[in-house]
Amino acid sequence: MEPRLVLAVSAVLFTLGVLGVLLRRGAITILMSVELMLNAANLAFIAFSRQAGTAEGQIYVFFVMTLAAAEAAVGLAIVIALFRLKGTTDVDEVSLLKW
């Protein structure tokens, strides 16, 4: 597959992730958008790795996938705790750091 096409798909996915983080207010939707951005970065790493003919990009993808799994586990645990405490997952309504 053409590397430019793969990078274009990666850029579109990353842009959709950024829009999801900026425009949505649900904590689960924001976490899913962050995962989408991480997967777009993984796709770019793989495209550059295949273009260069090395395995370094695939090693980076492995570490990013590990980070994404940890982020999902910790993020979902925080969302569940906030929902139990406040009764909502709307990030505008949940503010525990008020003075």
PDB file of N, CA and C in Angstrom:
ATOM      1  N   MET A   1       0.844  -1.173   0.000  1.00  0.00           N
ATOM      2  CA  MET A   1       0.000   0.000   0.000  1.00  0.00           C
ATOM      3  C   MET A   1       0.895   1.243   0.000  1.00  0.00           C
ATOM      4  N   GLU A   2       0.438   2.262  -0.638  1.00  0.00           N
ATOM      5  CA  GLU A   2       1.192   3.513  -0.757  1.00  0.00           C
ATOM      6  C   GLU A   2       1.356   4.169   0.617  1.00  0.00           C
ATOM      7  N   PRO A   3       2.611   4.487   1.011  1.00  0.00           N
ATOM      8  CA  PRO A   3       2.828   5.097   2.342  1.00  0.00           C
ATOM      9  C   PRO A   3       2.103   6.432   2.523  1.00  0.00           C
ATOM     10  N   ARG A   4       1.987   7.209   1.450  1.00  0.00           N
ATOM     11  CA  ARG A   4       1.293   8.496   1.581  1.00  0.00           C
ATOM     12  C   ARG A   4      -0.188   8.303   1.901  1.00  0.00           C
ATOM     13  N   LEU A   5      -0.774   7.258   1.309  1.00  0.00           N
ATOM     14  CA  LEU A   5      -2.180   6.973   1.583  1.00  0.00           C
ATOM     15  C   LEU A   5      -2.365   6.526   3.033  1.00  0.00           C
ATOM     16  N   VAL A   6      -1.455   5.701   3.522  1.00  0.00           N
ATOM     17  CA  VAL A   6      -1.527   5.249   4.916  1.00  0.00           C
ATOM     18  C   VAL A   6      -1.356   6.429   5.864  1.00  0.00           C
ATOM     19  N   LEU A   7      -0.442   7.326   5.552  1.00  0.00           N
ATOM     20  CA  LEU A   7      -0.246   8.503   6.409  1.00  0.00           C
ATOM     21  C   LEU A   7      -1.447   9.444   6.353  1.00  0.00           C
ATOM     22  N   ALA A   8      -2.091   9.519   5.193  1.00  0.00           N
ATOM     23  CA  ALA A   8      -3.299  10.345   5.097  1.00  0.00           C
ATOM     24  C   ALA A   8      -4.415   9.762   5.956  1.00  0.00           C
ATOM     25  N   VAL A   9      -4.584   8.441   5.931  1.00  0.00           N
ATOM     26  CA  VAL A   9      -5.582   7.790   6.779  1.00  0.00           C
ATOM     27  C   VAL A   9      -5.239   8.013   8.255  1.00  0.00           C
ATOM     28  N   SER A  10      -3.957   7.915   8.576  1.00  0.00           N
ATOM     29  CA  SER A  10      -3.519   8.157   9.945  1.00  0.00           C
ATOM     30  C   SER A  10      -3.833   9.589  10.374  1.00  0.00           C
ATOM     31  N   ALA A  11      -3.605  10.547   9.497  1.00  0.00           N
ATOM     32  CA  ALA A  11      -3.899  11.946   9.828  1.00  0.00           C
ATOM     33  C   ALA A  11      -5.390  12.174  10.020  1.00  0.00           C
ATOM     34  N   VAL A  12      -6.213  11.538   9.186  1.00  0.00           N
ATOM     35  CA  VAL A  12      -7.666  11.676   9.339  1.00  0.00           C
ATOM     36  C   VAL A  12      -8.126  11.078  10.665  1.00  0.00           C
ATOM     37  N   LEU A  13      -7.607   9.896  11.005  1.00  0.00           N
ATOM     38  CA  LEU A  13      -7.976   9.269  12.275  1.00  0.00           C
ATOM     39  C   LEU A  13      -7.533  10.113  13.466  1.00  0.00           C
ATOM     40  N   PHE A  14      -6.329  10.671  13.386  1.00  0.00           N
ATOM     41  CA  PHE A  14      -5.841  11.513  14.479  1.00  0.00           C
ATOM     42  C   PHE A  14      -6.707  12.765  14.615  1.00  0.00           C
ATOM     43  N   THR A  15      -7.095  13.358  13.491  1.00  0.00           N
ATOM     44  CA  THR A  15      -7.946  14.542  13.524  1.00  0.00           C
ATOM     45  C   THR A  15      -9.306  14.226  14.126  1.00  0.00           C
ATOM     46  N   LEU A  16      -9.864  13.072  13.779  1.00  0.00           N
ATOM     47  CA  LEU A  16     -11.139  12.670  14.378  1.00  0.00           C
ATOM     48  C   LEU A  16     -10.999  12.477  15.887  1.00  0.00           C
ATOM     49  N   GLY A  17      -9.872  11.936  16.310  1.00  0.00           N
ATOM     50  CA  GLY A  17      -9.628  11.779  17.741  1.00  0.00           C
ATOM     51  C   GLY A  17      -9.528  13.114  18.455  1.00  0.00           C
ATOM     52  N   VAL A  18      -8.820  14.052  17.854  1.00  0.00           N
ATOM     53  CA  VAL A  18      -8.693  15.384  18.462  1.00  0.00           C
ATOM     54  C   VAL A  18     -10.049  16.066  18.547  1.00  0.00           C
ATOM     55  N   LEU A  19     -10.837  15.955  17.480  1.00  0.00           N
ATOM     56  CA  LEU A  19     -12.176  16.551  17.503  1.00  0.00           C
ATOM     57  C   LEU A  19     -13.046  15.899  18.575  1.00  0.00           C
ATOM     58  N   GLY A  20     -12.909  14.598  18.744  1.00  0.00           N
ATOM     59  CA  GLY A  20     -13.667  13.914  19.785  1.00  0.00           C
ATOM     60  C   GLY A  20     -13.292  14.385  21.175  1.00  0.00           C
ATOM     61  N   VAL A  21     -12.002  14.613  21.405  1.00  0.00           N
ATOM     62  CA  VAL A  21     -11.564  15.106  22.718  1.00  0.00           C
ATOM     63  C   VAL A  21     -12.051  16.530  22.952  1.00  0.00           C
ATOM     64  N   LEU A  22     -12.009  17.358  21.925  1.00  0.00           N
ATOM     65  CA  LEU A  22     -12.360  18.765  22.102  1.00  0.00           C
ATOM     66  C   LEU A  22     -13.864  19.030  22.124  1.00  0.00           C
ATOM     67  N   LEU A  23     -14.638  18.222  21.405  1.00  0.00           N
ATOM     68  CA  LEU A  23     -16.057  18.538  21.255  1.00  0.00           C
ATOM     69  C   LEU A  23     -16.982  17.721  22.140  1.00  0.00           C
ATOM     70  N   ARG A  24     -16.573  16.563  22.585  1.00  0.00           N
ATOM     71  CA  ARG A  24     -17.443  15.699  23.389  1.00  0.00           C
ATOM     72  C   ARG A  24     -17.216  15.947  24.875  1.00  0.00           C
ATOM     73  N   ARG A  25     -18.232  15.680  25.673  1.00  0.00           N
ATOM     74  CA  ARG A  25     -18.136  15.934  27.103  1.00  0.00           C
ATOM     75  C   ARG A  25     -18.217  14.673  27.937  1.00  0.00           C
ATOM     76  N   GLY A  26     -18.533  13.541  27.359  1.00  0.00           N
ATOM     77  CA  GLY A  26     -18.590  12.299  28.126  1.00  0.00           C
ATOM     78  C   GLY A  26     -17.192  11.736  28.323  1.00  0.00           C
ATOM     79  N   ALA A  27     -16.910  11.274  29.527  1.00  0.00           N
ATOM     80  CA  ALA A  27     -15.566  10.787  29.833  1.00  0.00           C
ATOM     81  C   ALA A  27     -15.216   9.551  29.014  1.00  0.00           C
ATOM     82  N   ILE A  28     -16.175   8.663  28.788  1.00  0.00           N
ATOM     83  CA  ILE A  28     -15.920   7.461  28.006  1.00  0.00           C
ATOM     84  C   ILE A  28     -15.609   7.839  26.563  1.00  0.00           C
ATOM     85  N   THR A  29     -16.334   8.787  26.009  1.00  0.00           N
ATOM     86  CA  THR A  29     -16.083   9.230  24.631  1.00  0.00           C
ATOM     87  C   THR A  29     -14.712   9.877  24.505  1.00  0.00           C
ATOM     88  N   ILE A  30     -14.316  10.618  25.499  1.00  0.00           N
ATOM     89  CA  ILE A  30     -12.990  11.244  25.478  1.00  0.00           C
ATOM     90  C   ILE A  30     -11.904  10.171  25.532  1.00  0.00           C
ATOM     91  N   LEU A  31     -12.092   9.157  26.369  1.00  0.00           N
ATOM     92  CA  LEU A  31     -11.116   8.070  26.434  1.00  0.00           C
ATOM     93  C   LEU A  31     -11.035   7.316  25.105  1.00  0.00           C
ATOM     94  N   MET A  32     -12.187   7.112  24.460  1.00  0.00           N
ATOM     95  CA  MET A  32     -12.176   6.436  23.162  1.00  0.00           C
ATOM     96  C   MET A  32     -11.475   7.289  22.113  1.00  0.00           C
ATOM     97  N   SER A  33     -11.620   8.589  22.191  1.00  0.00           N
ATOM     98  CA  SER A  33     -10.949   9.486  21.249  1.00  0.00           C
ATOM     99  C   SER A  33      -9.435   9.477  21.457  1.00  0.00           C
ATOM    100  N   VAL A  34      -9.010   9.396  22.698  1.00  0.00           N
ATOM    101  CA  VAL A  34      -7.570   9.289  22.980  1.00  0.00           C
ATOM    102  C   VAL A  34      -7.021   7.982  22.403  1.00  0.00           C
ATOM    103  N   GLU A  35      -7.787   6.898  22.556  1.00  0.00           N
ATOM    104  CA  GLU A  35      -7.374   5.616  21.969  1.00  0.00           C
ATOM    105  C   GLU A  35      -7.280   5.713  20.448  1.00  0.00           C
ATOM    106  N   LEU A  36      -8.205   6.441  19.838  1.00  0.00           N
ATOM    107  CA  LEU A  36      -8.175   6.629  18.387  1.00  0.00           C
ATOM    108  C   LEU A  36      -6.918   7.386  17.967  1.00  0.00           C
ATOM    109  N   MET A  37      -6.540   8.389  18.745  1.00  0.00           N
ATOM    110  CA  MET A  37      -5.315   9.128  18.440  1.00  0.00           C
ATOM    111  C   MET A  37      -4.081   8.244  18.586  1.00  0.00           C
ATOM    112  N   LEU A  38      -4.049   7.410  19.614  1.00  0.00           N
ATOM    113  CA  LEU A  38      -2.915   6.500  19.793  1.00  0.00           C
ATOM    114  C   LEU A  38      -2.826   5.493  18.645  1.00  0.00           C
ATOM    115  N   ASN A  39      -3.972   4.988  18.200  1.00  0.00           N
ATOM    116  CA  ASN A  39      -3.964   4.055  17.078  1.00  0.00           C
ATOM    117  C   ASN A  39      -3.546   4.735  15.771  1.00  0.00           C
ATOM    118  N   ALA A  40      -3.905   5.997  15.601  1.00  0.00           N
ATOM    119  CA  ALA A  40      -3.455   6.737  14.424  1.00  0.00           C
ATOM    120  C   ALA A  40      -1.939   6.906  14.451  1.00  0.00           C
ATOM    121  N   ALA A  41      -1.382   7.172  15.611  1.00  0.00           N
ATOM    122  CA  ALA A  41       0.076   7.270  15.736  1.00  0.00           C
ATOM    123  C   ALA A  41       0.733   5.923  15.451  1.00  0.00           C
ATOM    124  N   ASN A  42       0.107   4.841  15.915  1.00  0.00           N
ATOM    125  CA  ASN A  42       0.630   3.508  15.616  1.00  0.00           C
ATOM    126  C   ASN A  42       0.649   3.242  14.117  1.00  0.00           C
ATOM    127  N   LEU A  43      -0.400   3.639  13.428  1.00  0.00           N
ATOM    128  CA  LEU A  43      -0.462   3.451  11.984  1.00  0.00           C
ATOM    129  C   LEU A  43       0.647   4.232  11.284  1.00  0.00           C
ATOM    130  N   ALA A  44       0.921   5.440  11.762  1.00  0.00           N
ATOM    131  CA  ALA A  44       2.012   6.230  11.184  1.00  0.00           C
ATOM    132  C   ALA A  44       3.366   5.585  11.469  1.00  0.00           C
ATOM    133  N   PHE A  45       3.544   5.069  12.681  1.00  0.00           N
ATOM    134  CA  PHE A  45       4.791   4.360  13.005  1.00  0.00           C
ATOM    135  C   PHE A  45       5.012   3.176  12.072  1.00  0.00           C
ATOM    136  N   ILE A  46       3.960   2.402  11.828  1.00  0.00           N
ATOM    137  CA  ILE A  46       4.081   1.240  10.949  1.00  0.00           C
ATOM    138  C   ILE A  46       4.384   1.667   9.517  1.00  0.00           C
ATOM    139  N   ALA A  47       3.754   2.735   9.056  1.00  0.00           N
ATOM    140  CA  ALA A  47       4.019   3.219   7.692  1.00  0.00           C
ATOM    141  C   ALA A  47       5.468   3.658   7.536  1.00  0.00           C
ATOM    142  N   PHE A  48       5.973   4.400   8.508  1.00  0.00           N
ATOM    143  CA  PHE A  48       7.361   4.835   8.432  1.00  0.00           C
ATOM    144  C   PHE A  48       8.324   3.659   8.572  1.00  0.00           C
ATOM    145  N   SER A  49       7.962   2.692   9.384  1.00  0.00           N
ATOM    146  CA  SER A  49       8.798   1.516   9.560  1.00  0.00           C
ATOM    147  C   SER A  49       8.889   0.703   8.274  1.00  0.00           C
ATOM    148  N   ARG A  50       7.760   0.538   7.606  1.00  0.00           N
ATOM    149  CA  ARG A  50       7.775  -0.208   6.339  1.00  0.00           C
ATOM    150  C   ARG A  50       8.530   0.554   5.263  1.00  0.00           C
ATOM    151  N   GLN A  51       8.413   1.870   5.257  1.00  0.00           N
ATOM    152  CA  GLN A  51       9.122   2.675   4.261  1.00  0.00           C
ATOM    153  C   GLN A  51      10.633   2.590   4.467  1.00  0.00           C
ATOM    154  N   ALA A  52      11.064   2.596   5.724  1.00  0.00           N
ATOM    155  CA  ALA A  52      12.492   2.544   6.024  1.00  0.00           C
ATOM    156  C   ALA A  52      13.039   1.123   5.970  1.00  0.00           C
ATOM    157  N   GLY A  53      12.166   0.128   6.058  1.00  0.00           N
ATOM    158  CA  GLY A  53      12.603  -1.253   6.012  1.00  0.00           C
ATOM    159  C   GLY A  53      13.205  -1.749   7.311  1.00  0.00           C
ATOM    160  N   THR A  54      12.853  -1.109   8.417  1.00  0.00           N
ATOM    161  CA  THR A  54      13.368  -1.510   9.725  1.00  0.00           C
ATOM    162  C   THR A  54      12.216  -1.937  10.619  1.00  0.00           C
ATOM    163  N   ALA A  55      12.557  -2.498  11.763  1.00  0.00           N
ATOM    164  CA  ALA A  55      11.541  -2.944  12.718  1.00  0.00           C
ATOM    165  C   ALA A  55      11.387  -1.978  13.884  1.00  0.00           C
ATOM    166  N   GLU A  56      12.043  -0.835  13.840  1.00  0.00           N
ATOM    167  CA  GLU A  56      11.985   0.102  14.963  1.00  0.00           C
ATOM    168  C   GLU A  56      10.580   0.641  15.193  1.00  0.00           C
ATOM    169  N   GLY A  57       9.864   0.928  14.121  1.00  0.00           N
ATOM    170  CA  GLY A  57       8.498   1.428  14.264  1.00  0.00           C
ATOM    171  C   GLY A  57       7.586   0.423  14.922  1.00  0.00           C
ATOM    172  N   GLN A  58       7.800  -0.856  14.627  1.00  0.00           N
ATOM    173  CA  GLN A  58       6.981  -1.893  15.234  1.00  0.00           C
ATOM    174  C   GLN A  58       7.279  -2.028  16.727  1.00  0.00           C
ATOM    175  N   ILE A  59       8.504  -1.777  17.110  1.00  0.00           N
ATOM    176  CA  ILE A  59       8.856  -1.795  18.535  1.00  0.00           C
ATOM    177  C   ILE A  59       8.169  -0.634  19.248  1.00  0.00           C
ATOM    178  N   TYR A  60       8.151   0.534  18.616  1.00  0.00           N
ATOM    179  CA  TYR A  60       7.450   1.679  19.195  1.00  0.00           C
ATOM    180  C   TYR A  60       5.960   1.385  19.333  1.00  0.00           C
ATOM    181  N   VAL A  61       5.391   0.721  18.338  1.00  0.00           N
ATOM    182  CA  VAL A  61       3.970   0.374  18.390  1.00  0.00           C
ATOM    183  C   VAL A  61       3.679  -0.530  19.573  1.00  0.00           C
ATOM    184  N   PHE A  62       4.567  -1.464  19.843  1.00  0.00           N
ATOM    185  CA  PHE A  62       4.382  -2.345  20.992  1.00  0.00           C
ATOM    186  C   PHE A  62       4.318  -1.541  22.290  1.00  0.00           C
ATOM    187  N   PHE A  63       5.200  -0.573  22.445  1.00  0.00           N
ATOM    188  CA  PHE A  63       5.190   0.242  23.659  1.00  0.00           C
ATOM    189  C   PHE A  63       3.964   1.146  23.725  1.00  0.00           C
ATOM    190  N   VAL A  64       3.540   1.677  22.593  1.00  0.00           N
ATOM    191  CA  VAL A  64       2.345   2.526  22.579  1.00  0.00           C
ATOM    192  C   VAL A  64       1.103   1.700  22.911  1.00  0.00           C
ATOM    193  N   MET A  65       1.039   0.470  22.418  1.00  0.00           N
ATOM    194  CA  MET A  65      -0.096  -0.400  22.747  1.00  0.00           C
ATOM    195  C   MET A  65      -0.121  -0.735  24.234  1.00  0.00           C
ATOM    196  N   THR A  66       1.057  -0.920  24.825  1.00  0.00           N
ATOM    197  CA  THR A  66       1.129  -1.162  26.261  1.00  0.00           C
ATOM    198  C   THR A  66       0.649   0.059  27.038  1.00  0.00           C
ATOM    199  N   LEU A  67       1.070   1.232  26.605  1.00  0.00           N
ATOM    200  CA  LEU A  67       0.616   2.475  27.224  1.00  0.00           C
ATOM    201  C   LEU A  67      -0.887   2.644  27.070  1.00  0.00           C
ATOM    202  N   ALA A  68      -1.424   2.309  25.902  1.00  0.00           N
ATOM    203  CA  ALA A  68      -2.864   2.452  25.662  1.00  0.00           C
ATOM    204  C   ALA A  68      -3.662   1.503  26.551  1.00  0.00           C
ATOM    205  N   ALA A  69      -3.168   0.300  26.747  1.00  0.00           N
ATOM    206  CA  ALA A  69      -3.863  -0.647  27.622  1.00  0.00           C
ATOM    207  C   ALA A  69      -3.872  -0.145  29.062  1.00  0.00           C
ATOM    208  N   ALA A  70      -2.748   0.383  29.518  1.00  0.00           N
ATOM    209  CA  ALA A  70      -2.679   0.927  30.877  1.00  0.00           C
ATOM    210  C   ALA A  70      -3.586   2.150  31.014  1.00  0.00           C
ATOM    211  N   GLU A  71      -3.600   2.988  29.997  1.00  0.00           N
ATOM    212  CA  GLU A  71      -4.455   4.177  30.024  1.00  0.00           C
ATOM    213  C   GLU A  71      -5.921   3.785  30.072  1.00  0.00           C
ATOM    214  N   ALA A  72      -6.296   2.773  29.317  1.00  0.00           N
ATOM    215  CA  ALA A  72      -7.691   2.334  29.314  1.00  0.00           C
ATOM    216  C   ALA A  72      -8.081   1.775  30.681  1.00  0.00           C
ATOM    217  N   ALA A  73      -7.215   0.982  31.268  1.00  0.00           N
ATOM    218  CA  ALA A  73      -7.540   0.384  32.567  1.00  0.00           C
ATOM    219  C   ALA A  73      -7.651   1.448  33.656  1.00  0.00           C
ATOM    220  N   VAL A  74      -6.673   2.332  33.732  1.00  0.00           N
ATOM    221  CA  VAL A  74      -6.687   3.379  34.760  1.00  0.00           C
ATOM    222  C   VAL A  74      -7.797   4.384  34.481  1.00  0.00           C
ATOM    223  N   GLY A  75      -7.974   4.749  33.228  1.00  0.00           N
ATOM    224  CA  GLY A  75      -9.021   5.708  32.872  1.00  0.00           C
ATOM    225  C   GLY A  75     -10.407   5.194  33.193  1.00  0.00           C
ATOM    226  N   LEU A  76     -10.679   3.946  32.858  1.00  0.00           N
ATOM    227  CA  LEU A  76     -11.990   3.380  33.167  1.00  0.00           C
ATOM    228  C   LEU A  76     -12.205   3.250  34.675  1.00  0.00           C
ATOM    229  N   ALA A  77     -11.159   2.937  35.414  1.00  0.00           N
ATOM    230  CA  ALA A  77     -11.284   2.867  36.866  1.00  0.00           C
ATOM    231  C   ALA A  77     -11.625   4.244  37.444  1.00  0.00           C
ATOM    232  N   ILE A  78     -11.005   5.275  36.925  1.00  0.00           N
ATOM    233  CA  ILE A  78     -11.300   6.640  37.389  1.00  0.00           C
ATOM    234  C   ILE A  78     -12.719   7.033  37.025  1.00  0.00           C
ATOM    235  N   VAL A  79     -13.158   6.686  35.808  1.00  0.00           N
ATOM    236  CA  VAL A  79     -14.525   7.016  35.387  1.00  0.00           C
ATOM    237  C   VAL A  79     -15.550   6.307  36.262  1.00  0.00           C
ATOM    238  N   ILE A  80     -15.310   5.046  36.574  1.00  0.00           N
ATOM    239  CA  ILE A  80     -16.241   4.313  37.447  1.00  0.00           C
ATOM    240  C   ILE A  80     -16.276   4.941  38.840  1.00  0.00           C
ATOM    241  N   ALA A  81     -15.116   5.311  39.371  1.00  0.00           N
ATOM    242  CA  ALA A  81     -15.084   5.947  40.690  1.00  0.00           C
ATOM    243  C   ALA A  81     -15.809   7.289  40.678  1.00  0.00           C
ATOM    244  N   LEU A  82     -15.622   8.083  39.612  1.00  0.00           N
ATOM    245  CA  LEU A  82     -16.317   9.368  39.525  1.00  0.00           C
ATOM    246  C   LEU A  82     -17.819   9.188  39.371  1.00  0.00           C
ATOM    247  N   PHE A  83     -18.216   8.175  38.604  1.00  0.00           N
ATOM    248  CA  PHE A  83     -19.648   7.937  38.445  1.00  0.00           C
ATOM    249  C   PHE A  83     -20.285   7.522  39.761  1.00  0.00           C
ATOM    250  N   ARG A  84     -19.586   6.704  40.527  1.00  0.00           N
ATOM    251  CA  ARG A  84     -20.121   6.301  41.834  1.00  0.00           C
ATOM    252  C   ARG A  84     -20.191   7.477  42.795  1.00  0.00           C
ATOM    253  N   LEU A  85     -19.228   8.397  42.688  1.00  0.00           N
ATOM    254  CA  LEU A  85     -19.187   9.537  43.598  1.00  0.00           C
ATOM    255  C   LEU A  85     -20.170  10.628  43.197  1.00  0.00           C
ATOM    256  N   LYS A  86     -20.201  10.981  41.913  1.00  0.00           N
ATOM    257  CA  LYS A  86     -20.995  12.111  41.443  1.00  0.00           C
ATOM    258  C   LYS A  86     -22.276  11.727  40.710  1.00  0.00           C
ATOM    259  N   GLY A  87     -22.352  10.498  40.199  1.00  0.00           N
ATOM    260  CA  GLY A  87     -23.547  10.079  39.477  1.00  0.00           C
ATOM    261  C   GLY A  87     -23.590  10.491  38.024  1.00  0.00           C
ATOM    262  N   THR A  88     -22.498  11.008  37.498  1.00  0.00           N
ATOM    263  CA  THR A  88     -22.433  11.411  36.095  1.00  0.00           C
ATOM    264  C   THR A  88     -21.013  11.222  35.581  1.00  0.00           C
ATOM    265  N   THR A  89     -20.895  11.107  34.249  1.00  0.00           N
ATOM    266  CA  THR A  89     -19.567  11.043  33.637  1.00  0.00           C
ATOM    267  C   THR A  89     -19.293  12.268  32.773  1.00  0.00           C
ATOM    268  N   ASP A  90     -20.150  13.268  32.857  1.00  0.00           N
ATOM    269  CA  ASP A  90     -19.951  14.503  32.110  1.00  0.00           C
ATOM    270  C   ASP A  90     -18.792  15.274  32.720  1.00  0.00           C
ATOM    271  N   VAL A  91     -17.773  15.564  31.921  1.00  0.00           N
ATOM    272  CA  VAL A  91     -16.566  16.187  32.465  1.00  0.00           C
ATOM    273  C   VAL A  91     -16.790  17.637  32.875  1.00  0.00           C
ATOM    274  N   ASP A  92     -17.826  18.287  32.352  1.00  0.00           N
ATOM    275  CA  ASP A  92     -18.114  19.648  32.775  1.00  0.00           C
ATOM    276  C   ASP A  92     -18.733  19.686  34.179  1.00  0.00           C
ATOM    277  N   GLU A  93     -19.485  18.658  34.525  1.00  0.00           N
ATOM    278  CA  GLU A  93     -20.157  18.626  35.816  1.00  0.00           C
ATOM    279  C   GLU A  93     -19.273  18.043  36.916  1.00  0.00           C
ATOM    280  N   VAL A  94     -18.284  17.280  36.552  1.00  0.00           N
ATOM    281  CA  VAL A  94     -17.415  16.631  37.524  1.00  0.00           C
ATOM    282  C   VAL A  94     -16.206  17.522  37.747  1.00  0.00           C
ATOM    283  N   SER A  95     -16.143  18.142  38.908  1.00  0.00           N
ATOM    284  CA  SER A  95     -15.018  18.994  39.248  1.00  0.00           C
ATOM    285  C   SER A  95     -14.676  18.760  40.713  1.00  0.00           C
ATOM    286  N   LEU A  96     -13.678  17.940  40.942  1.00  0.00           N
ATOM    287  CA  LEU A  96     -13.281  17.644  42.312  1.00  0.00           C
ATOM    288  C   LEU A  96     -12.160  18.560  42.800  1.00  0.00           C
ATOM    289  N   LEU A  97     -11.622  19.389  41.920  1.00  0.00           N
ATOM    290  CA  LEU A  97     -10.495  20.241  42.279  1.00  0.00           C
ATOM    291  C   LEU A  97     -10.893  21.683  42.529  1.00  0.00           C
ATOM    292  N   LYS A  98     -12.140  21.910  42.973  1.00  0.00           N
ATOM    293  CA  LYS A  98     -12.571  23.268  43.270  1.00  0.00           C
ATOM    294  C   LYS A  98     -11.919  23.756  44.553  1.00  0.00           C
ATOM    295  N   TRP A  99     -11.744  25.061  44.641  1.00  0.00           N
ATOM    296  CA  TRP A  99     -11.121  25.660  45.823  1.00  0.00           C
ATOM    297  C   TRP A  99     -12.067  25.643  46.936  1.00  0.00           C
TER     298      TRP A  99
END
